[in-house]
Amino acid sequence: MRHQRVIFCLSDGRKIYATHHGEIMKWTESEILAMAKNREKYGNGAFLSDLSRYAVVADDLRRRYPKARIVRVTGFETEDYSTPLRKDINH
């Protein structure tokens, strides 16, 4: 099984690797498919503009942080986990 990295594309033009507790996540094909299905069901997720918080449902962030600037996820890319990290992506 080949692991992938997921790169979120944000509405402000930035890209960020999917992380958990500061570590870049390893994704399987089935996990990526599940995320794509969740995007169809719930819409695109969102981050606070400082990237400190993420929510699968953007309105959840708006309720929790009403004055914060929110940046929506507009899509995602994948890359093989074994390739070097890209310098144009936040991590």
Foldseek 3Di string as FASTA:
>chain_A
DFWKWKWFQKPVGAIAIDDDPPHRDTHDPVRVVVLVVLCVVQNWKKAFPVRPDIDRHNVVCCVVPVVTHIITGPDMDMDTPPDDDDPRHHD
